[in-house]
Amino acid sequence: MALEAQVLGRVCRVVGESEHPGTAVLLDRDERQYLVTARHLTLGEPEEHFAVQLPPWYPDPIRHLTLKRVGPSTSKADIAVFQLARPVADPKLHLPAGTDGLVWTQEAYLLGYPLNLSGRLANGQAGIPIAKRGIVAAMDLGSDPPTIILDIVANPGLSGGPVVYRHEQSGELTVAGIVAKNLAAPVNQERHAALGHAGLCIAVDIRVALSWINEDLTV
């Protein structure tokens, strides 16, 4: 599955006031743009400051932004949404989001900046997000919060990055979730020994973020 510009152009490296580097994805709804990332990368404040690094083909790819939180800061879901005062990603790069087309064992990708790594273009421009491929190992879309288990290791720095799949019916690349954590534990803990090298990660269903965005649009 080739990853197209509407995906690569919406993934950004972020460092917030928590000083934990991670990844975010930019989504559009009704001419508003939102930054979606992992909650554990944030402080839980109504407004927070972020250094956002866009892909290198954008003018001034590094932006320092103060963003307004959308949705609760105390949710159990490890996901956070912030509204941008004005779009920073190209609105023409439409990136849909949802899980209605997601199926068990489907191929999926994580995108982001693991271990502070990124790709580089032939002209020397750096900052292209890294892509990791795996499958949807399981889904628990009826839990609170709904989650997706993926057969992919989420290295440090991938937190907050999007899980992307190709919708079977529309054929569009679609965001299904946001990377939260690895499902693993140290092998020296006997009761968790089977998970020591599980190679699995947990993502929060993107519908959590979309519900907060829809509420924001009614304000």
Foldseek 3Di string as FASTA:
>chain_A
DDDDCLQQQFKKWKQWPLRFIAIWGWADDPQWIKTKFFLVRDDQDQKIWMFIAGAPVFVPRTDIAIWGWFDGSPAPGRMTMTTGPHDRGDPVSHAAAACPQADFFAKKKQWWQAPNDWDADPVGGTGGIDIDMWGFHDWQVVDRQTKTKTLAAQHRRSGTTFIWGQRPVVRGIYTFFGWHHAQADDCVPPVRVVRHPSSMTMTGGCVVVVVRVVVVVVD
